[in-house]
Amino acid sequence: MFPLFKRMKAKTRQQRFRELQAVVNQGLNACIIELAQDYLRDFPKHGVVWLDYGNALVDFARYKEARVAFLKAIKYIKPEHLNFPYSYMGHLYENQGDYRRAAEWHEKASKANPETSDHLIFLGAALSKIGKLSEAERCFRKAIKCKKGMIDEAYYNLGVILEGRGKYKEALACFENALKIDPKYKLAKQAIKDMRRVLTIKDTFINRMHPTAN
């Protein structure tokens, strides 16, 4: 007689990892957590899975567990990829409103991968949140010189800092550079409109105060 149920063949490690990555790519956080927990019980030294697991936990505000997961990722991930857990840890602290700690981790990420602008942008944004505007400006200026990453975002964020300091012409140039890189950048378009309008207003004030002699 044949058995009523055939025993399911156990999935290989590679198959389980591919299944996990499929739900990671779809952003299915509950599935990520369950599959990652199951995977890590058998393969606890896989840094990338700890990273995916921690990132899913952050979305559910399970910050303590996520921090542990990211520390595991830092321990087991390849040294050349350490910028990823460092950056994720920075975002974790941002979600908690601790921008000082966030800046510390984004700075580590930037040092681990100085060729890309992204970590400098995150660092500058965190520094601006705690009022360190000069430091933030330096980060964004370094970011626009990078060859990789979100250069349009770097120009936009630098423009915002300069705008806040009343340096409207320089800010306008930054927003225009951002729009050149990404012609669909709505925030840059709005900022350009604002800068052009405010420069016209300033010219009006100057002409009122110093009218041309007839």
C-alpha atoms as a PDB file:
ATOM      1  CA  MET A   1       0.000   0.000   0.000  1.00  0.00           C
ATOM      2  CA  PHE A   2       1.077   3.550  -0.685  1.00  0.00           C
ATOM      3  CA  PRO A   3       1.293   6.009   2.221  1.00  0.00           C
ATOM      4  CA  LEU A   4      -1.520   8.532   2.390  1.00  0.00           C
ATOM      5  CA  PHE A   5       0.968  11.406   2.500  1.00  0.00           C
ATOM      6  CA  LYS A   6       4.356  11.545   0.903  1.00  0.00           C
ATOM      7  CA  ARG A   7       7.051  13.008   3.105  1.00  0.00           C
ATOM      8  CA  MET A   8       8.039  16.444   1.797  1.00  0.00           C
ATOM      9  CA  LYS A   9      11.619  16.673   0.707  1.00  0.00           C
ATOM     10  CA  ALA A  10      13.513  19.087   2.919  1.00  0.00           C
ATOM     11  CA  LYS A  11      14.550  22.309   1.202  1.00  0.00           C
ATOM     12  CA  THR A  12      18.223  22.984   0.751  1.00  0.00           C
ATOM     13  CA  ARG A  13      19.910  25.952   2.357  1.00  0.00           C
ATOM     14  CA  GLN A  14      20.112  27.625  -1.037  1.00  0.00           C
ATOM     15  CA  GLN A  15      16.402  27.105  -1.674  1.00  0.00           C
ATOM     16  CA  ARG A  16      15.495  28.565   1.718  1.00  0.00           C
ATOM     17  CA  PHE A  17      17.709  31.592   1.105  1.00  0.00           C
ATOM     18  CA  ARG A  18      16.147  32.182  -2.322  1.00  0.00           C
ATOM     19  CA  GLU A  19      12.675  31.957  -0.795  1.00  0.00           C
ATOM     20  CA  LEU A  20      13.655  34.529   1.808  1.00  0.00           C
ATOM     21  CA  GLN A  21      15.153  36.886  -0.782  1.00  0.00           C
ATOM     22  CA  ALA A  22      11.974  36.678  -2.850  1.00  0.00           C
ATOM     23  CA  VAL A  23       9.879  38.090   0.006  1.00  0.00           C
ATOM     24  CA  VAL A  24      12.607  40.646   0.801  1.00  0.00           C
ATOM     25  CA  ASN A  25      12.383  41.927  -2.776  1.00  0.00           C
ATOM     26  CA  GLN A  26       8.601  42.234  -2.391  1.00  0.00           C
ATOM     27  CA  GLY A  27       8.826  43.987   0.986  1.00  0.00           C
ATOM     28  CA  LEU A  28       6.695  41.363   2.746  1.00  0.00           C
ATOM     29  CA  ASN A  29       7.924  42.077   6.247  1.00  0.00           C
ATOM     30  CA  ALA A  30       5.908  39.507   8.202  1.00  0.00           C
ATOM     31  CA  CYS A  31       7.084  36.791   5.811  1.00  0.00           C
ATOM     32  CA  ILE A  32      10.659  38.051   6.092  1.00  0.00           C
ATOM     33  CA  ILE A  33      10.569  37.768   9.877  1.00  0.00           C
ATOM     34  CA  GLU A  34       9.181  34.235   9.906  1.00  0.00           C
ATOM     35  CA  LEU A  35      11.455  32.894   7.171  1.00  0.00           C
ATOM     36  CA  ALA A  36      14.537  34.646   8.567  1.00  0.00           C
ATOM     37  CA  GLN A  37      13.931  33.292  12.070  1.00  0.00           C
ATOM     38  CA  ASP A  38      13.584  29.776  10.679  1.00  0.00           C
ATOM     39  CA  TYR A  39      16.697  30.151   8.516  1.00  0.00           C
ATOM     40  CA  LEU A  40      18.845  31.660  11.265  1.00  0.00           C
ATOM     41  CA  ARG A  41      18.036  28.823  13.664  1.00  0.00           C
ATOM     42  CA  ASP A  42      19.995  26.561  11.326  1.00  0.00           C
ATOM     43  CA  PHE A  43      22.473  29.052   9.873  1.00  0.00           C
ATOM     44  CA  PRO A  44      23.118  31.699  12.541  1.00  0.00           C
ATOM     45  CA  LYS A  45      26.254  33.161  10.935  1.00  0.00           C
ATOM     46  CA  HIS A  46      24.676  34.521   7.757  1.00  0.00           C
ATOM     47  CA  GLY A  47      25.179  38.282   8.007  1.00  0.00           C
ATOM     48  CA  VAL A  48      22.932  39.246   5.096  1.00  0.00           C
ATOM     49  CA  VAL A  49      19.962  37.417   6.604  1.00  0.00           C
ATOM     50  CA  TRP A  50      20.504  39.136   9.964  1.00  0.00           C
ATOM     51  CA  LEU A  51      20.421  42.417   8.044  1.00  0.00           C
ATOM     52  CA  ASP A  52      17.152  41.602   6.272  1.00  0.00           C
ATOM     53  CA  TYR A  53      15.658  40.345   9.522  1.00  0.00           C
ATOM     54  CA  GLY A  54      16.604  43.498  11.416  1.00  0.00           C
ATOM     55  CA  ASN A  55      15.282  45.753   8.681  1.00  0.00           C
ATOM     56  CA  ALA A  56      11.897  44.014   8.787  1.00  0.00           C
ATOM     57  CA  LEU A  57      11.796  44.358  12.572  1.00  0.00           C
ATOM     58  CA  VAL A  58      12.384  48.117  12.304  1.00  0.00           C
ATOM     59  CA  ASP A  59       9.221  48.456  10.216  1.00  0.00           C
ATOM     60  CA  PHE A  60       7.258  47.056  13.171  1.00  0.00           C
ATOM     61  CA  ALA A  61       9.081  49.367  15.645  1.00  0.00           C
ATOM     62  CA  ARG A  62      10.718  46.346  17.300  1.00  0.00           C
ATOM     63  CA  TYR A  63      13.851  48.400  17.799  1.00  0.00           C
ATOM     64  CA  LYS A  64      15.599  46.406  20.534  1.00  0.00           C
ATOM     65  CA  GLU A  65      15.359  43.198  18.534  1.00  0.00           C
ATOM     66  CA  ALA A  66      16.401  45.001  15.366  1.00  0.00           C
ATOM     67  CA  ARG A  67      19.483  46.422  17.082  1.00  0.00           C
ATOM     68  CA  VAL A  68      20.534  42.925  18.144  1.00  0.00           C
ATOM     69  CA  ALA A  69      20.014  41.695  14.577  1.00  0.00           C
ATOM     70  CA  PHE A  70      22.133  44.507  13.125  1.00  0.00           C
ATOM     71  CA  LEU A  71      24.918  43.824  15.622  1.00  0.00           C
ATOM     72  CA  LYS A  72      24.851  40.200  14.475  1.00  0.00           C
ATOM     73  CA  ALA A  73      25.030  41.401  10.871  1.00  0.00           C
ATOM     74  CA  ILE A  74      28.061  43.540  11.738  1.00  0.00           C
ATOM     75  CA  LYS A  75      29.702  40.502  13.300  1.00  0.00           C
ATOM     76  CA  TYR A  76      29.121  38.111  10.413  1.00  0.00           C
ATOM     77  CA  ILE A  77      28.890  40.169   7.238  1.00  0.00           C
ATOM     78  CA  LYS A  78      31.900  40.496   4.939  1.00  0.00           C
ATOM     79  CA  PRO A  79      34.115  43.486   5.857  1.00  0.00           C
ATOM     80  CA  GLU A  80      33.635  45.093   2.435  1.00  0.00           C
ATOM     81  CA  HIS A  81      29.866  45.213   3.074  1.00  0.00           C
ATOM     82  CA  LEU A  82      29.938  46.686   6.576  1.00  0.00           C
ATOM     83  CA  ASN A  83      28.562  49.994   5.318  1.00  0.00           C
ATOM     84  CA  PHE A  84      25.134  48.343   5.009  1.00  0.00           C
ATOM     85  CA  PRO A  85      24.578  47.330   8.657  1.00  0.00           C
ATOM     86  CA  TYR A  86      26.176  50.596   9.793  1.00  0.00           C
ATOM     87  CA  SER A  87      23.710  52.538   7.646  1.00  0.00           C
ATOM     88  CA  TYR A  88      20.732  50.425   8.751  1.00  0.00           C
ATOM     89  CA  MET A  89      21.687  51.055  12.363  1.00  0.00           C
ATOM     90  CA  GLY A  90      21.712  54.770  11.604  1.00  0.00           C
ATOM     91  CA  HIS A  91      18.191  54.572  10.200  1.00  0.00           C
ATOM     92  CA  LEU A  92      17.077  52.618  13.266  1.00  0.00           C
ATOM     93  CA  TYR A  93      18.146  55.489  15.535  1.00  0.00           C
ATOM     94  CA  GLU A  94      16.507  58.004  13.178  1.00  0.00           C
ATOM     95  CA  ASN A  95      13.221  56.169  13.610  1.00  0.00           C
ATOM     96  CA  GLN A  96      13.652  56.510  17.353  1.00  0.00           C
ATOM     97  CA  GLY A  97      14.406  60.224  17.059  1.00  0.00           C
ATOM     98  CA  ASP A  98      18.002  59.831  18.286  1.00  0.00           C
ATOM     99  CA  TYR A  99      19.750  61.777  15.532  1.00  0.00           C
ATOM    100  CA  ARG A 100      23.038  62.056  17.430  1.00  0.00           C
ATOM    101  CA  ARG A 101      23.434  58.277  17.501  1.00  0.00           C
ATOM    102  CA  ALA A 102      22.148  58.083  13.939  1.00  0.00           C
ATOM    103  CA  ALA A 103      24.892  60.460  12.819  1.00  0.00           C
ATOM    104  CA  GLU A 104      27.546  58.316  14.517  1.00  0.00           C
ATOM    105  CA  TRP A 105      26.459  55.230  12.573  1.00  0.00           C
ATOM    106  CA  HIS A 106      26.077  57.050   9.254  1.00  0.00           C
ATOM    107  CA  GLU A 107      29.593  58.410   9.714  1.00  0.00           C
ATOM    108  CA  LYS A 108      30.842  54.835  10.167  1.00  0.00           C
ATOM    109  CA  ALA A 109      28.991  53.816   7.015  1.00  0.00           C
ATOM    110  CA  SER A 110      30.531  56.697   5.080  1.00  0.00           C
ATOM    111  CA  LYS A 111      34.036  55.771   6.200  1.00  0.00           C
ATOM    112  CA  ALA A 112      33.402  52.141   5.259  1.00  0.00           C
ATOM    113  CA  ASN A 113      32.303  53.167   1.741  1.00  0.00           C
ATOM    114  CA  PRO A 114      33.571  56.686   0.950  1.00  0.00           C
ATOM    115  CA  GLU A 115      33.011  56.390  -2.811  1.00  0.00           C
ATOM    116  CA  THR A 116      29.217  56.753  -2.650  1.00  0.00           C
ATOM    117  CA  SER A 117      27.283  59.885  -1.759  1.00  0.00           C
ATOM    118  CA  ASP A 118      24.414  58.111  -0.004  1.00  0.00           C
ATOM    119  CA  HIS A 119      25.944  57.718   3.451  1.00  0.00           C
ATOM    120  CA  LEU A 120      27.179  61.313   3.419  1.00  0.00           C
ATOM    121  CA  ILE A 121      23.639  62.451   2.596  1.00  0.00           C
ATOM    122  CA  PHE A 122      22.199  60.461   5.500  1.00  0.00           C
ATOM    123  CA  LEU A 123      24.938  61.807   7.779  1.00  0.00           C
ATOM    124  CA  GLY A 124      24.281  65.384   6.698  1.00  0.00           C
ATOM    125  CA  ALA A 125      20.546  64.974   7.213  1.00  0.00           C
ATOM    126  CA  ALA A 126      21.062  63.627  10.746  1.00  0.00           C
ATOM    127  CA  LEU A 127      23.484  66.444  11.589  1.00  0.00           C
ATOM    128  CA  SER A 128      21.013  69.044  10.357  1.00  0.00           C
ATOM    129  CA  LYS A 129      18.356  67.569  12.661  1.00  0.00           C
ATOM    130  CA  ILE A 130      20.530  68.349  15.680  1.00  0.00           C
ATOM    131  CA  GLY A 131      21.398  71.841  14.469  1.00  0.00           C
ATOM    132  CA  LYS A 132      24.924  71.122  13.238  1.00  0.00           C
ATOM    133  CA  LEU A 133      24.352  72.957   9.971  1.00  0.00           C
ATOM    134  CA  SER A 134      27.983  73.742   9.142  1.00  0.00           C
ATOM    135  CA  GLU A 135      28.903  70.063   9.520  1.00  0.00           C
ATOM    136  CA  ALA A 136      25.870  69.074   7.458  1.00  0.00           C
ATOM    137  CA  GLU A 137      26.850  71.491   4.694  1.00  0.00           C
ATOM    138  CA  ARG A 138      30.353  69.980   4.576  1.00  0.00           C
ATOM    139  CA  CYS A 139      28.832  66.513   4.208  1.00  0.00           C
ATOM    140  CA  PHE A 140      26.624  67.575   1.309  1.00  0.00           C
ATOM    141  CA  ARG A 141      29.520  69.368  -0.404  1.00  0.00           C
ATOM    142  CA  LYS A 142      31.564  66.180  -0.179  1.00  0.00           C
ATOM    143  CA  ALA A 143      28.577  64.165  -1.428  1.00  0.00           C
ATOM    144  CA  ILE A 144      28.166  66.170  -4.655  1.00  0.00           C
ATOM    145  CA  LYS A 145      31.779  65.321  -5.539  1.00  0.00           C
ATOM    146  CA  CYS A 146      31.197  61.567  -5.299  1.00  0.00           C
ATOM    147  CA  LYS A 147      31.018  59.499  -8.469  1.00  0.00           C
ATOM    148  CA  LYS A 148      28.374  57.100  -7.161  1.00  0.00           C
ATOM    149  CA  GLY A 149      25.074  57.417  -5.351  1.00  0.00           C
ATOM    150  CA  MET A 150      22.220  59.899  -5.171  1.00  0.00           C
ATOM    151  CA  ILE A 151      24.036  62.996  -6.424  1.00  0.00           C
ATOM    152  CA  ASP A 152      20.749  64.745  -7.172  1.00  0.00           C
ATOM    153  CA  GLU A 153      19.757  64.300  -3.514  1.00  0.00           C
ATOM    154  CA  ALA A 154      23.121  65.668  -2.438  1.00  0.00           C
ATOM    155  CA  TYR A 155      22.613  68.834  -4.504  1.00  0.00           C
ATOM    156  CA  TYR A 156      19.049  69.225  -3.240  1.00  0.00           C
ATOM    157  CA  ASN A 157      20.026  68.877   0.428  1.00  0.00           C
ATOM    158  CA  LEU A 158      22.926  71.280   0.008  1.00  0.00           C
ATOM    159  CA  GLY A 159      20.499  73.719  -1.587  1.00  0.00           C
ATOM    160  CA  VAL A 160      18.163  73.471   1.402  1.00  0.00           C
ATOM    161  CA  ILE A 161      21.004  74.274   3.808  1.00  0.00           C
ATOM    162  CA  LEU A 162      22.092  77.280   1.704  1.00  0.00           C
ATOM    163  CA  GLU A 163      18.483  78.449   1.341  1.00  0.00           C
ATOM    164  CA  GLY A 164      18.115  78.441   5.113  1.00  0.00           C
ATOM    165  CA  ARG A 165      21.153  80.689   5.350  1.00  0.00           C
ATOM    166  CA  GLY A 166      19.780  83.154   2.823  1.00  0.00           C
ATOM    167  CA  LYS A 167      22.286  82.187   0.118  1.00  0.00           C
ATOM    168  CA  TYR A 168      19.568  82.054  -2.498  1.00  0.00           C
ATOM    169  CA  LYS A 169      21.660  82.284  -5.684  1.00  0.00           C
ATOM    170  CA  GLU A 170      23.928  79.438  -4.627  1.00  0.00           C
ATOM    171  CA  ALA A 171      20.908  77.441  -3.471  1.00  0.00           C
ATOM    172  CA  LEU A 172      19.237  78.022  -6.856  1.00  0.00           C
ATOM    173  CA  ALA A 173      22.298  76.624  -8.629  1.00  0.00           C
ATOM    174  CA  CYS A 174      22.142  73.502  -6.435  1.00  0.00           C
ATOM    175  CA  PHE A 175      18.459  72.921  -7.142  1.00  0.00           C
ATOM    176  CA  GLU A 176      19.060  73.405 -10.873  1.00  0.00           C
ATOM    177  CA  ASN A 177      21.869  70.834 -10.784  1.00  0.00           C
ATOM    178  CA  ALA A 178      19.558  68.389  -8.998  1.00  0.00           C
ATOM    179  CA  LEU A 179      16.928  68.902 -11.698  1.00  0.00           C
ATOM    180  CA  LYS A 180      19.486  68.342 -14.473  1.00  0.00           C
ATOM    181  CA  ILE A 181      20.283  64.945 -12.984  1.00  0.00           C
ATOM    182  CA  ASP A 182      16.618  64.060 -12.434  1.00  0.00           C
ATOM    183  CA  PRO A 183      14.258  66.090 -14.682  1.00  0.00           C
ATOM    184  CA  LYS A 184      11.252  64.682 -12.770  1.00  0.00           C
ATOM    185  CA  TYR A 185      12.474  65.873  -9.349  1.00  0.00           C
ATOM    186  CA  LYS A 186       9.332  67.659  -8.084  1.00  0.00           C
ATOM    187  CA  LEU A 187      10.898  69.066  -4.914  1.00  0.00           C
ATOM    188  CA  ALA A 188      13.737  70.561  -6.935  1.00  0.00           C
ATOM    189  CA  LYS A 189      11.241  72.172  -9.329  1.00  0.00           C
ATOM    190  CA  GLN A 190       9.346  73.705  -6.422  1.00  0.00           C
ATOM    191  CA  ALA A 191      12.567  74.924  -4.798  1.00  0.00           C
ATOM    192  CA  ILE A 192      13.703  76.551  -8.072  1.00  0.00           C
ATOM    193  CA  LYS A 193      10.384  78.388  -8.292  1.00  0.00           C
ATOM    194  CA  ASP A 194      10.801  79.561  -4.697  1.00  0.00           C
ATOM    195  CA  MET A 195      14.389  80.752  -5.232  1.00  0.00           C
ATOM    196  CA  ARG A 196      13.568  82.663  -8.409  1.00  0.00           C
ATOM    197  CA  ARG A 197      10.635  84.341  -6.712  1.00  0.00           C
ATOM    198  CA  VAL A 198      12.594  85.265  -3.576  1.00  0.00           C
ATOM    199  CA  LEU A 199      15.458  86.684  -5.649  1.00  0.00           C
ATOM    200  CA  THR A 200      12.936  88.893  -7.485  1.00  0.00           C
ATOM    201  CA  ILE A 201      11.534  90.041  -4.135  1.00  0.00           C
ATOM    202  CA  LYS A 202      15.017  90.882  -2.870  1.00  0.00           C
ATOM    203  CA  ASP A 203      15.782  92.866  -6.034  1.00  0.00           C
ATOM    204  CA  THR A 204      12.561  94.821  -5.494  1.00  0.00           C
ATOM    205  CA  PHE A 205      13.622  95.693  -1.933  1.00  0.00           C
ATOM    206  CA  ILE A 206      17.055  96.805  -3.136  1.00  0.00           C
ATOM    207  CA  ASN A 207      15.590  99.013  -5.857  1.00  0.00           C
ATOM    208  CA  ARG A 208      13.157 100.550  -3.372  1.00  0.00           C
ATOM    209  CA  MET A 209      15.920 101.388  -0.944  1.00  0.00           C
ATOM    210  CA  HIS A 210      18.360 102.588  -3.611  1.00  0.00           C
ATOM    211  CA  PRO A 211      16.357 103.999  -6.531  1.00  0.00           C
ATOM    212  CA  THR A 212      18.304 104.912  -9.643  1.00  0.00           C
ATOM    213  CA  ALA A 213      18.848 108.647  -9.823  1.00  0.00           C
ATOM    214  CA  ASN A 214      17.157 110.397 -12.763  1.00  0.00           C
END
